[in-house]
Amino acid sequence: MEAFALKVIENPKALTLKDLLCVVKVYSSLNYDLQHRKQQFLDSLIPALVSYLPKMSSFELLKAVYHLCLLGHFPSALLEPLLQSSTLEKFKSTDPNYLANQERMFQTVNLCLHLEHPVLPQPLTVPPAVLGAPVLDSRAVIPELSQCLQSVMEDQANTTLQERVLLLGFYFIDGVITKPLTSETDSGSAESRPR
């Protein structure tokens, strides 16, 4: 995969739109670590993808953004066109057979934007209309994981554990460990610091 990434870096314009979508899907699905070449790889893919914007369907654009977000990359040149009202309007006519997959991809993009806080020219969010209905997850936390988290927490002062957290109404997290943002002095008073 490293050798192929080098070929992509050297000549990304040789790839068709189908090739580019396949490349971002494979690298994000396998969570392949390009180490020191990751930024160079992504920087070569984005202009190639942007060059296909006029020919790209709204769903192809969503797939590209979805896989790039999974790679931790948030190109505004693709995010902004995806989140324009004219593009979002096209998703209203999605075949019901594909609606769940489309909603899942939008939910993931929204979650990535929420968690990563990427630096963008303007703040972007995914409108609730394309996210679908919130999922009420009735799964229980894995007992072994719960016991492990609780045993780790026994020695941690001023730290809280929340189990079964549903983030943004879509993303189920087994456990969230939170430490306070303020540091306490020996006298017990809290000292706040800007973060």
N, C-alpha and C. Protein backbone atom coordinates (compact mmCIF):
# COMPACT_ATOMS: atom_id res chain seq x y z
N MET A 1 0.82 -1.19 0.00
CA MET A 1 0.00 0.00 0.00
C MET A 1 0.87 1.26 0.00
N GLU A 2 2.03 1.13 0.57
CA GLU A 2 2.96 2.26 0.59
C GLU A 2 3.40 2.61 -0.83
N ALA A 3 3.69 1.59 -1.63
CA ALA A 3 4.14 1.82 -3.01
C ALA A 3 3.03 2.47 -3.84
N PHE A 4 1.80 2.02 -3.63
CA PHE A 4 0.68 2.62 -4.36
C PHE A 4 0.47 4.07 -3.94
N ALA A 5 0.61 4.34 -2.65
CA ALA A 5 0.47 5.72 -2.16
C ALA A 5 1.50 6.63 -2.82
N LEU A 6 2.71 6.12 -3.00
CA LEU A 6 3.75 6.91 -3.68
C LEU A 6 3.35 7.22 -5.12
N LYS A 7 2.73 6.25 -5.80
CA LYS A 7 2.28 6.49 -7.18
C LYS A 7 1.17 7.54 -7.21
N VAL A 8 0.30 7.49 -6.21
CA VAL A 8 -0.78 8.48 -6.12
C VAL A 8 -0.18 9.87 -5.89
N ILE A 9 0.80 9.95 -5.01
CA ILE A 9 1.45 11.23 -4.70
C ILE A 9 2.12 11.79 -5.95
N GLU A 10 2.78 10.92 -6.72
CA GLU A 10 3.51 11.35 -7.92
C GLU A 10 2.59 11.83 -9.04
N ASN A 11 1.46 11.16 -9.21
CA ASN A 11 0.59 11.50 -10.34
C ASN A 11 -0.88 11.26 -10.01
N PRO A 12 -1.47 12.08 -9.15
CA PRO A 12 -2.88 11.86 -8.79
C PRO A 12 -3.84 12.13 -9.95
N LYS A 13 -3.43 12.93 -10.92
CA LYS A 13 -4.31 13.25 -12.05
C LYS A 13 -4.50 12.06 -12.99
N ALA A 14 -3.69 11.02 -12.82
CA ALA A 14 -3.84 9.82 -13.65
C ALA A 14 -5.03 8.98 -13.19
N LEU A 15 -5.57 9.30 -12.02
CA LEU A 15 -6.67 8.52 -11.46
C LEU A 15 -8.02 9.08 -11.90
N THR A 16 -8.93 8.18 -12.21
CA THR A 16 -10.30 8.58 -12.53
C THR A 16 -11.04 8.86 -11.23
N LEU A 17 -12.24 9.41 -11.34
CA LEU A 17 -13.05 9.65 -10.14
C LEU A 17 -13.32 8.34 -9.41
N LYS A 18 -13.63 7.30 -10.16
CA LYS A 18 -13.88 5.98 -9.56
C LYS A 18 -12.63 5.49 -8.81
N ASP A 19 -11.46 5.68 -9.41
CA ASP A 19 -10.20 5.29 -8.77
C ASP A 19 -9.99 6.06 -7.47
N LEU A 20 -10.21 7.37 -7.52
CA LEU A 20 -10.00 8.22 -6.34
C LEU A 20 -10.93 7.81 -5.19
N LEU A 21 -12.20 7.57 -5.52
CA LEU A 21 -13.15 7.15 -4.49
C LEU A 21 -12.75 5.80 -3.90
N CYS A 22 -12.25 4.92 -4.75
CA CYS A 22 -11.78 3.61 -4.28
C CYS A 22 -10.57 3.76 -3.36
N VAL A 23 -9.64 4.63 -3.74
CA VAL A 23 -8.42 4.85 -2.94
C VAL A 23 -8.77 5.37 -1.55
N VAL A 24 -9.61 6.41 -1.48
CA VAL A 24 -9.94 6.96 -0.14
C VAL A 24 -10.73 5.95 0.68
N LYS A 25 -11.57 5.15 0.01
CA LYS A 25 -12.33 4.13 0.73
C LYS A 25 -11.41 3.07 1.31
N VAL A 26 -10.49 2.57 0.51
CA VAL A 26 -9.59 1.51 0.96
C VAL A 26 -8.68 1.99 2.09
N TYR A 27 -8.06 3.14 1.91
CA TYR A 27 -7.13 3.64 2.93
C TYR A 27 -7.86 3.98 4.23
N SER A 28 -9.09 4.49 4.14
CA SER A 28 -9.82 4.80 5.37
C SER A 28 -10.38 3.53 6.02
N SER A 29 -10.88 2.61 5.21
CA SER A 29 -11.45 1.37 5.75
C SER A 29 -10.40 0.51 6.45
N LEU A 30 -9.21 0.47 5.87
CA LEU A 30 -8.13 -0.31 6.47
C LEU A 30 -7.39 0.47 7.55
N ASN A 31 -7.72 1.75 7.68
CA ASN A 31 -7.05 2.63 8.65
C ASN A 31 -5.54 2.53 8.47
N TYR A 32 -5.12 2.53 7.21
CA TYR A 32 -3.71 2.36 6.89
C TYR A 32 -2.92 3.60 7.30
N ASP A 33 -1.83 3.38 8.02
CA ASP A 33 -1.00 4.48 8.52
C ASP A 33 0.13 4.77 7.53
N LEU A 34 0.03 5.90 6.87
CA LEU A 34 1.08 6.31 5.93
C LEU A 34 2.21 7.05 6.62
N GLN A 35 2.12 7.18 7.92
CA GLN A 35 3.14 7.82 8.76
C GLN A 35 3.51 9.19 8.22
N HIS A 36 4.75 9.40 7.87
CA HIS A 36 5.23 10.72 7.47
C HIS A 36 4.74 11.15 6.08
N ARG A 37 4.13 10.26 5.33
CA ARG A 37 3.64 10.60 3.98
C ARG A 37 2.14 10.90 3.95
N LYS A 38 1.48 10.80 5.09
CA LYS A 38 0.02 10.95 5.13
C LYS A 38 -0.42 12.31 4.58
N GLN A 39 0.16 13.39 5.06
CA GLN A 39 -0.26 14.71 4.62
C GLN A 39 0.01 14.92 3.13
N GLN A 40 1.16 14.45 2.69
CA GLN A 40 1.51 14.56 1.27
C GLN A 40 0.52 13.77 0.41
N PHE A 41 0.15 12.58 0.88
CA PHE A 41 -0.82 11.73 0.18
C PHE A 41 -2.17 12.44 0.08
N LEU A 42 -2.64 12.95 1.21
CA LEU A 42 -3.93 13.63 1.22
C LEU A 42 -3.90 14.92 0.40
N ASP A 43 -2.81 15.65 0.50
CA ASP A 43 -2.68 16.89 -0.27
C ASP A 43 -2.66 16.64 -1.78
N SER A 44 -2.25 15.47 -2.20
CA SER A 44 -2.27 15.15 -3.63
C SER A 44 -3.66 14.67 -4.07
N LEU A 45 -4.39 14.03 -3.16
CA LEU A 45 -5.73 13.54 -3.50
C LEU A 45 -6.76 14.66 -3.63
N ILE A 46 -6.68 15.64 -2.75
CA ILE A 46 -7.73 16.67 -2.69
C ILE A 46 -7.88 17.44 -4.00
N PRO A 47 -6.79 18.00 -4.58
CA PRO A 47 -6.97 18.71 -5.85
C PRO A 47 -7.54 17.81 -6.96
N ALA A 48 -7.15 16.55 -6.94
CA ALA A 48 -7.68 15.62 -7.95
C ALA A 48 -9.19 15.42 -7.74
N LEU A 49 -9.61 15.25 -6.49
CA LEU A 49 -11.04 15.12 -6.21
C LEU A 49 -11.79 16.40 -6.56
N VAL A 50 -11.22 17.53 -6.20
CA VAL A 50 -11.86 18.82 -6.48
C VAL A 50 -12.04 19.02 -7.99
N SER A 51 -11.08 18.54 -8.77
CA SER A 51 -11.19 18.69 -10.23
C SER A 51 -12.40 17.92 -10.78
N TYR A 52 -12.86 16.91 -10.06
CA TYR A 52 -14.03 16.13 -10.50
C TYR A 52 -15.35 16.65 -9.92
N LEU A 53 -15.32 17.69 -9.11
CA LEU A 53 -16.55 18.21 -8.49
C LEU A 53 -17.68 18.43 -9.49
N PRO A 54 -17.44 19.06 -10.65
CA PRO A 54 -18.55 19.28 -11.59
C PRO A 54 -19.19 17.98 -12.10
N LYS A 55 -18.42 16.89 -12.12
CA LYS A 55 -18.93 15.62 -12.63
C LYS A 55 -19.44 14.70 -11.51
N MET A 56 -19.17 15.06 -10.26
CA MET A 56 -19.47 14.21 -9.13
C MET A 56 -20.95 14.29 -8.75
N SER A 57 -21.55 13.13 -8.50
CA SER A 57 -22.92 13.14 -7.97
C SER A 57 -22.85 13.55 -6.50
N SER A 58 -23.98 13.92 -5.94
CA SER A 58 -24.00 14.32 -4.53
C SER A 58 -23.59 13.15 -3.64
N PHE A 59 -23.99 11.93 -4.02
CA PHE A 59 -23.62 10.77 -3.20
C PHE A 59 -22.12 10.47 -3.29
N GLU A 60 -21.53 10.64 -4.47
CA GLU A 60 -20.08 10.46 -4.60
C GLU A 60 -19.33 11.48 -3.76
N LEU A 61 -19.84 12.70 -3.72
CA LEU A 61 -19.23 13.74 -2.88
C LEU A 61 -19.33 13.36 -1.41
N LEU A 62 -20.49 12.86 -1.01
CA LEU A 62 -20.67 12.42 0.38
C LEU A 62 -19.69 11.29 0.71
N LYS A 63 -19.55 10.32 -0.20
CA LYS A 63 -18.61 9.21 0.05
C LYS A 63 -17.19 9.71 0.19
N ALA A 64 -16.78 10.63 -0.67
CA ALA A 64 -15.41 11.17 -0.59
C ALA A 64 -15.19 11.87 0.74
N VAL A 65 -16.11 12.74 1.13
CA VAL A 65 -15.98 13.48 2.40
C VAL A 65 -16.00 12.52 3.58
N TYR A 66 -16.89 11.55 3.55
CA TYR A 66 -17.01 10.56 4.62
C TYR A 66 -15.68 9.83 4.84
N HIS A 67 -15.10 9.32 3.77
CA HIS A 67 -13.84 8.57 3.91
C HIS A 67 -12.67 9.48 4.30
N LEU A 68 -12.65 10.70 3.80
CA LEU A 68 -11.60 11.64 4.20
C LEU A 68 -11.73 12.00 5.68
N CYS A 69 -12.96 12.15 6.16
CA CYS A 69 -13.17 12.43 7.59
C CYS A 69 -12.66 11.27 8.44
N LEU A 70 -12.89 10.04 7.98
CA LEU A 70 -12.38 8.88 8.72
C LEU A 70 -10.85 8.89 8.77
N LEU A 71 -10.24 9.48 7.76
CA LEU A 71 -8.78 9.62 7.74
C LEU A 71 -8.31 10.83 8.55
N GLY A 72 -9.26 11.57 9.12
CA GLY A 72 -8.91 12.74 9.91
C GLY A 72 -8.58 13.95 9.07
N HIS A 73 -9.12 14.00 7.87
CA HIS A 73 -8.84 15.11 6.95
C HIS A 73 -10.16 15.78 6.57
N PHE A 74 -10.20 17.10 6.66
CA PHE A 74 -11.44 17.85 6.47
C PHE A 74 -11.25 18.97 5.44
N PRO A 75 -11.16 18.62 4.17
CA PRO A 75 -10.93 19.65 3.15
C PRO A 75 -12.17 20.51 2.93
N SER A 76 -12.04 21.79 3.18
CA SER A 76 -13.18 22.69 3.01
C SER A 76 -13.63 22.75 1.55
N ALA A 77 -12.71 22.50 0.63
CA ALA A 77 -13.06 22.52 -0.80
C ALA A 77 -14.07 21.43 -1.16
N LEU A 78 -14.19 20.40 -0.33
CA LEU A 78 -15.19 19.36 -0.55
C LEU A 78 -16.33 19.45 0.46
N LEU A 79 -16.01 19.82 1.69
CA LEU A 79 -17.04 19.95 2.73
C LEU A 79 -18.06 21.03 2.39
N GLU A 80 -17.58 22.19 1.97
CA GLU A 80 -18.49 23.30 1.69
C GLU A 80 -19.50 22.97 0.58
N PRO A 81 -19.06 22.41 -0.56
CA PRO A 81 -20.06 22.04 -1.58
C PRO A 81 -21.03 20.97 -1.09
N LEU A 82 -20.56 20.03 -0.28
CA LEU A 82 -21.45 18.99 0.24
C LEU A 82 -22.54 19.59 1.11
N LEU A 83 -22.19 20.56 1.93
CA LEU A 83 -23.14 21.10 2.90
C LEU A 83 -23.93 22.31 2.38
N GLN A 84 -23.80 22.61 1.09
CA GLN A 84 -24.62 23.67 0.49
C GLN A 84 -26.06 23.18 0.36
N SER A 85 -26.99 24.09 0.52
CA SER A 85 -28.41 23.71 0.49
C SER A 85 -28.80 23.06 -0.84
N SER A 86 -28.20 23.51 -1.95
CA SER A 86 -28.54 22.92 -3.26
C SER A 86 -28.11 21.45 -3.33
N THR A 87 -26.99 21.12 -2.72
CA THR A 87 -26.53 19.72 -2.71
C THR A 87 -27.38 18.90 -1.74
N LEU A 88 -27.63 19.44 -0.56
CA LEU A 88 -28.42 18.73 0.44
C LEU A 88 -29.84 18.45 -0.05
N GLU A 89 -30.36 19.35 -0.86
CA GLU A 89 -31.70 19.18 -1.42
C GLU A 89 -31.79 17.89 -2.25
N LYS A 90 -30.71 17.55 -2.93
CA LYS A 90 -30.68 16.35 -3.77
C LYS A 90 -30.81 15.06 -2.95
N PHE A 91 -30.40 15.12 -1.69
CA PHE A 91 -30.47 13.92 -0.85
C PHE A 91 -31.89 13.61 -0.39
N LYS A 92 -32.81 14.54 -0.56
CA LYS A 92 -34.21 14.30 -0.16
C LYS A 92 -34.88 13.25 -1.02
N SER A 93 -34.36 13.03 -2.22
CA SER A 93 -34.97 12.05 -3.12
C SER A 93 -34.25 10.70 -3.09
N THR A 94 -33.48 10.45 -2.04
CA THR A 94 -32.74 9.19 -1.94
C THR A 94 -33.70 8.01 -1.84
N ASP A 95 -33.39 6.97 -2.58
CA ASP A 95 -34.15 5.72 -2.52
C ASP A 95 -34.15 5.22 -1.07
N PRO A 96 -35.32 4.84 -0.54
CA PRO A 96 -35.38 4.36 0.85
C PRO A 96 -34.42 3.20 1.16
N ASN A 97 -34.07 2.42 0.14
CA ASN A 97 -33.13 1.31 0.35
C ASN A 97 -31.73 1.79 0.72
N TYR A 98 -31.40 3.02 0.33
CA TYR A 98 -30.06 3.57 0.57
C TYR A 98 -30.05 4.65 1.65
N LEU A 99 -31.22 4.98 2.17
CA LEU A 99 -31.34 6.09 3.11
C LEU A 99 -30.55 5.85 4.40
N ALA A 100 -30.61 4.64 4.95
CA ALA A 100 -29.91 4.35 6.21
C ALA A 100 -28.40 4.52 6.04
N ASN A 101 -27.86 4.07 4.92
CA ASN A 101 -26.42 4.21 4.66
C ASN A 101 -26.04 5.69 4.51
N GLN A 102 -26.86 6.43 3.80
CA GLN A 102 -26.63 7.87 3.61
C GLN A 102 -26.65 8.59 4.96
N GLU A 103 -27.64 8.28 5.79
CA GLU A 103 -27.75 8.91 7.11
C GLU A 103 -26.54 8.57 7.98
N ARG A 104 -26.10 7.31 7.91
CA ARG A 104 -24.94 6.88 8.70
C ARG A 104 -23.70 7.66 8.29
N MET A 105 -23.53 7.87 6.99
CA MET A 105 -22.36 8.63 6.53
C MET A 105 -22.43 10.08 6.99
N PHE A 106 -23.61 10.69 6.88
CA PHE A 106 -23.76 12.07 7.37
C PHE A 106 -23.54 12.14 8.89
N GLN A 107 -24.04 11.14 9.62
CA GLN A 107 -23.83 11.11 11.07
C GLN A 107 -22.35 11.03 11.40
N THR A 108 -21.61 10.23 10.65
CA THR A 108 -20.17 10.09 10.89
C THR A 108 -19.44 11.39 10.57
N VAL A 109 -19.78 12.02 9.46
CA VAL A 109 -19.16 13.31 9.12
C VAL A 109 -19.44 14.33 10.22
N ASN A 110 -20.69 14.38 10.67
CA ASN A 110 -21.07 15.31 11.73
C ASN A 110 -20.30 15.03 13.02
N LEU A 111 -20.18 13.76 13.37
CA LEU A 111 -19.46 13.38 14.58
C LEU A 111 -17.98 13.75 14.47
N CYS A 112 -17.38 13.48 13.32
CA CYS A 112 -15.96 13.83 13.11
C CYS A 112 -15.75 15.34 13.24
N LEU A 113 -16.65 16.12 12.64
CA LEU A 113 -16.54 17.58 12.76
C LEU A 113 -16.68 18.02 14.21
N HIS A 114 -17.59 17.36 14.93
CA HIS A 114 -17.83 17.69 16.34
C HIS A 114 -16.64 17.33 17.23
N LEU A 115 -16.07 16.16 17.01
CA LEU A 115 -14.98 15.68 17.88
C LEU A 115 -13.63 16.28 17.52
N GLU A 116 -13.36 16.47 16.25
CA GLU A 116 -12.03 16.91 15.81
C GLU A 116 -11.86 18.43 15.80
N HIS A 117 -12.96 19.16 15.69
CA HIS A 117 -12.90 20.63 15.61
C HIS A 117 -11.86 21.08 14.59
N PRO A 118 -11.99 20.67 13.32
CA PRO A 118 -10.97 21.06 12.34
C PRO A 118 -10.98 22.57 12.10
N VAL A 119 -9.82 23.08 11.76
CA VAL A 119 -9.71 24.50 11.42
C VAL A 119 -10.21 24.66 9.98
N LEU A 120 -11.30 25.37 9.84
CA LEU A 120 -11.91 25.59 8.53
C LEU A 120 -12.13 27.09 8.33
N PRO A 121 -12.21 27.54 7.08
CA PRO A 121 -12.44 28.97 6.84
C PRO A 121 -13.72 29.47 7.49
N GLN A 122 -14.73 28.61 7.56
CA GLN A 122 -15.98 28.95 8.26
C GLN A 122 -16.47 27.70 8.98
N PRO A 123 -17.12 27.87 10.13
CA PRO A 123 -17.61 26.69 10.86
C PRO A 123 -18.67 25.96 10.03
N LEU A 124 -18.56 24.65 10.00
CA LEU A 124 -19.50 23.84 9.22
C LEU A 124 -20.15 22.80 10.12
N THR A 125 -21.43 22.61 9.93
CA THR A 125 -22.15 21.54 10.62
C THR A 125 -23.09 20.88 9.63
N VAL A 126 -23.41 19.65 9.93
CA VAL A 126 -24.33 18.91 9.08
C VAL A 126 -25.75 19.21 9.58
N PRO A 127 -26.64 19.65 8.71
CA PRO A 127 -28.01 19.96 9.13
C PRO A 127 -28.73 18.71 9.64
N PRO A 128 -29.54 18.86 10.69
CA PRO A 128 -30.26 17.71 11.26
C PRO A 128 -31.15 16.98 10.25
N ALA A 129 -31.62 17.68 9.23
CA ALA A 129 -32.53 17.06 8.26
C ALA A 129 -31.93 15.86 7.54
N VAL A 130 -30.61 15.81 7.38
CA VAL A 130 -29.99 14.68 6.67
C VAL A 130 -29.40 13.64 7.62
N LEU A 131 -29.51 13.89 8.92
CA LEU A 131 -28.94 12.96 9.90
C LEU A 131 -29.86 11.80 10.23
N GLY A 132 -31.13 11.93 9.92
CA GLY A 132 -32.08 10.88 10.27
C GLY A 132 -32.50 11.00 11.72
N ALA A 133 -33.28 10.04 12.16
CA ALA A 133 -33.78 10.04 13.54
C ALA A 133 -32.69 9.55 14.48
N PRO A 134 -32.62 10.14 15.68
CA PRO A 134 -31.64 9.65 16.66
C PRO A 134 -31.88 8.18 16.97
N VAL A 135 -30.80 7.48 17.22
CA VAL A 135 -30.85 6.06 17.53
C VAL A 135 -30.80 5.89 19.04
N LEU A 136 -31.81 5.25 19.58
CA LEU A 136 -31.79 4.96 21.01
C LEU A 136 -31.22 3.56 21.16
N ASP A 137 -30.00 3.49 21.59
CA ASP A 137 -29.28 2.22 21.69
C ASP A 137 -29.58 1.56 23.02
N SER A 138 -30.08 0.35 22.95
CA SER A 138 -30.43 -0.35 24.18
C SER A 138 -29.35 -1.36 24.58
N ARG A 139 -28.21 -1.32 23.91
CA ARG A 139 -27.14 -2.26 24.24
C ARG A 139 -26.61 -1.99 25.64
N ALA A 140 -26.24 -3.04 26.29
CA ALA A 140 -25.60 -2.89 27.60
C ALA A 140 -24.09 -2.82 27.38
N VAL A 141 -23.43 -2.21 28.33
CA VAL A 141 -21.97 -2.16 28.28
C VAL A 141 -21.47 -3.58 28.50
N ILE A 142 -20.42 -3.96 27.82
CA ILE A 142 -19.81 -5.28 27.99
C ILE A 142 -19.36 -5.40 29.45
N PRO A 143 -19.83 -6.41 30.17
CA PRO A 143 -19.52 -6.51 31.61
C PRO A 143 -18.03 -6.47 31.92
N GLU A 144 -17.22 -7.15 31.11
CA GLU A 144 -15.77 -7.17 31.36
C GLU A 144 -15.17 -5.78 31.21
N LEU A 145 -15.63 -5.05 30.20
CA LEU A 145 -15.15 -3.69 29.98
C LEU A 145 -15.57 -2.79 31.14
N SER A 146 -16.80 -2.93 31.57
CA SER A 146 -17.31 -2.12 32.67
C SER A 146 -16.49 -2.37 33.94
N GLN A 147 -16.23 -3.63 34.25
CA GLN A 147 -15.44 -3.97 35.44
C GLN A 147 -14.03 -3.41 35.33
N CYS A 148 -13.44 -3.51 34.16
CA CYS A 148 -12.08 -3.01 33.94
C CYS A 148 -12.04 -1.49 34.13
N LEU A 149 -12.99 -0.78 33.53
CA LEU A 149 -13.03 0.68 33.67
C LEU A 149 -13.23 1.08 35.13
N GLN A 150 -14.11 0.38 35.82
CA GLN A 150 -14.37 0.70 37.22
C GLN A 150 -13.14 0.43 38.09
N SER A 151 -12.40 -0.63 37.80
CA SER A 151 -11.19 -0.91 38.59
C SER A 151 -10.10 0.13 38.32
N VAL A 152 -10.01 0.62 37.10
CA VAL A 152 -9.05 1.68 36.77
C VAL A 152 -9.43 2.96 37.52
N MET A 153 -10.71 3.20 37.65
CA MET A 153 -11.20 4.43 38.26
C MET A 153 -11.06 4.45 39.78
N GLU A 154 -10.90 3.30 40.42
CA GLU A 154 -10.83 3.24 41.88
C GLU A 154 -9.75 4.14 42.45
N ASP A 155 -8.60 4.22 41.80
CA ASP A 155 -7.48 5.00 42.31
C ASP A 155 -7.43 6.42 41.77
N GLN A 156 -8.40 6.80 40.99
CA GLN A 156 -8.39 8.12 40.35
C GLN A 156 -9.29 9.09 41.11
N ALA A 157 -8.68 10.03 41.80
CA ALA A 157 -9.45 11.05 42.52
C ALA A 157 -9.95 12.10 41.54
N ASN A 158 -11.10 12.65 41.82
CA ASN A 158 -11.70 13.72 41.02
C ASN A 158 -11.88 13.35 39.55
N THR A 159 -12.11 12.09 39.29
CA THR A 159 -12.32 11.62 37.92
C THR A 159 -13.65 10.88 37.89
N THR A 160 -14.42 11.11 36.84
CA THR A 160 -15.72 10.46 36.75
C THR A 160 -15.78 9.51 35.56
N LEU A 161 -16.60 8.50 35.70
CA LEU A 161 -16.83 7.53 34.64
C LEU A 161 -18.30 7.56 34.29
N GLN A 162 -18.58 7.77 33.01
CA GLN A 162 -19.94 7.68 32.51
C GLN A 162 -19.99 6.47 31.59
N GLU A 163 -20.97 5.62 31.81
CA GLU A 163 -21.12 4.45 30.95
C GLU A 163 -22.36 4.64 30.08
N ARG A 164 -22.34 4.01 28.91
CA ARG A 164 -23.45 4.07 27.96
C ARG A 164 -23.77 5.51 27.56
N VAL A 165 -22.81 6.18 26.97
CA VAL A 165 -22.99 7.57 26.55
C VAL A 165 -23.41 7.58 25.08
N LEU A 166 -24.47 8.30 24.80
CA LEU A 166 -24.93 8.46 23.43
C LEU A 166 -24.60 9.88 23.01
N LEU A 167 -23.63 10.03 22.11
CA LEU A 167 -23.14 11.34 21.69
C LEU A 167 -23.87 11.78 20.43
N LEU A 168 -24.37 12.99 20.44
CA LEU A 168 -25.10 13.58 19.31
C LEU A 168 -26.30 12.74 18.89
N GLY A 169 -26.79 11.90 19.78
CA GLY A 169 -27.95 11.09 19.48
C GLY A 169 -27.70 9.92 18.55
N PHE A 170 -26.43 9.69 18.16
CA PHE A 170 -26.16 8.65 17.17
C PHE A 170 -25.01 7.73 17.55
N TYR A 171 -24.06 8.21 18.30
CA TYR A 171 -22.82 7.48 18.50
C TYR A 171 -22.75 6.94 19.92
N PHE A 172 -22.75 5.63 20.05
CA PHE A 172 -22.73 4.97 21.35
C PHE A 172 -21.29 4.77 21.82
N ILE A 173 -21.00 5.26 23.02
CA ILE A 173 -19.67 5.11 23.61
C ILE A 173 -19.84 4.29 24.89
N ASP A 174 -19.08 3.21 25.01
CA ASP A 174 -19.19 2.33 26.17
C ASP A 174 -18.87 3.06 27.47
N GLY A 175 -17.80 3.84 27.46
CA GLY A 175 -17.42 4.55 28.69
C GLY A 175 -16.62 5.79 28.40
N VAL A 176 -16.90 6.86 29.14
CA VAL A 176 -16.18 8.12 29.01
C VAL A 176 -15.59 8.45 30.37
N ILE A 177 -14.27 8.61 30.42
CA ILE A 177 -13.59 8.99 31.65
C ILE A 177 -13.27 10.47 31.55
N THR A 178 -13.71 11.23 32.56
CA THR A 178 -13.54 12.68 32.53
C THR A 178 -12.73 13.13 33.74
N LYS A 179 -11.72 13.95 33.46
CA LYS A 179 -10.95 14.58 34.53
C LYS A 179 -11.33 16.05 34.55
N PRO A 180 -11.32 16.68 35.72
CA PRO A 180 -11.69 18.10 35.78
C PRO A 180 -10.66 18.96 35.05
N LEU A 181 -11.14 20.07 34.46
CA LEU A 181 -10.25 20.98 33.75
C LEU A 181 -9.49 21.89 34.69
N THR A 182 -9.95 22.01 35.91
CA THR A 182 -9.26 22.88 36.87
C THR A 182 -8.36 22.04 37.75
N SER A 183 -7.23 22.62 38.16
CA SER A 183 -6.34 21.91 39.07
C SER A 183 -6.59 22.42 40.48
N GLU A 184 -6.54 21.52 41.41
CA GLU A 184 -6.80 21.91 42.79
C GLU A 184 -5.50 22.16 43.52
N THR A 185 -5.48 23.19 44.33
CA THR A 185 -4.32 23.48 45.15
C THR A 185 -4.40 22.66 46.42
N ASP A 186 -3.33 22.64 47.18
CA ASP A 186 -3.30 21.87 48.42
C ASP A 186 -4.36 22.32 49.41
N SER A 187 -4.75 23.60 49.34
CA SER A 187 -5.74 24.11 50.29
C SER A 187 -7.15 23.68 49.92
N GLY A 188 -7.30 23.07 48.73
CA GLY A 188 -8.61 22.57 48.35
C GLY A 188 -9.39 23.53 47.46
N SER A 189 -8.88 24.72 47.22
CA SER A 189 -9.61 25.64 46.35
C SER A 189 -9.25 25.36 44.89
N ALA A 190 -10.22 25.53 44.04
CA ALA A 190 -9.99 25.27 42.61
C ALA A 190 -9.40 26.51 41.96
N GLU A 191 -8.46 26.27 41.11
CA GLU A 191 -7.78 27.34 40.39
C GLU A 191 -8.11 27.15 38.91
N SER A 192 -8.81 28.09 38.32
CA SER A 192 -9.19 27.90 36.91
C SER A 192 -8.15 28.50 35.99
N ARG A 193 -7.94 27.80 34.91
CA ARG A 193 -6.98 28.24 33.91
C ARG A 193 -7.64 28.15 32.55
N PRO A 194 -7.39 29.14 31.69
CA PRO A 194 -7.97 29.05 30.34
C PRO A 194 -7.32 27.90 29.57
N ARG A 195 -8.13 27.20 28.83
CA ARG A 195 -7.64 26.06 28.03
C ARG A 195 -7.83 26.34 26.58
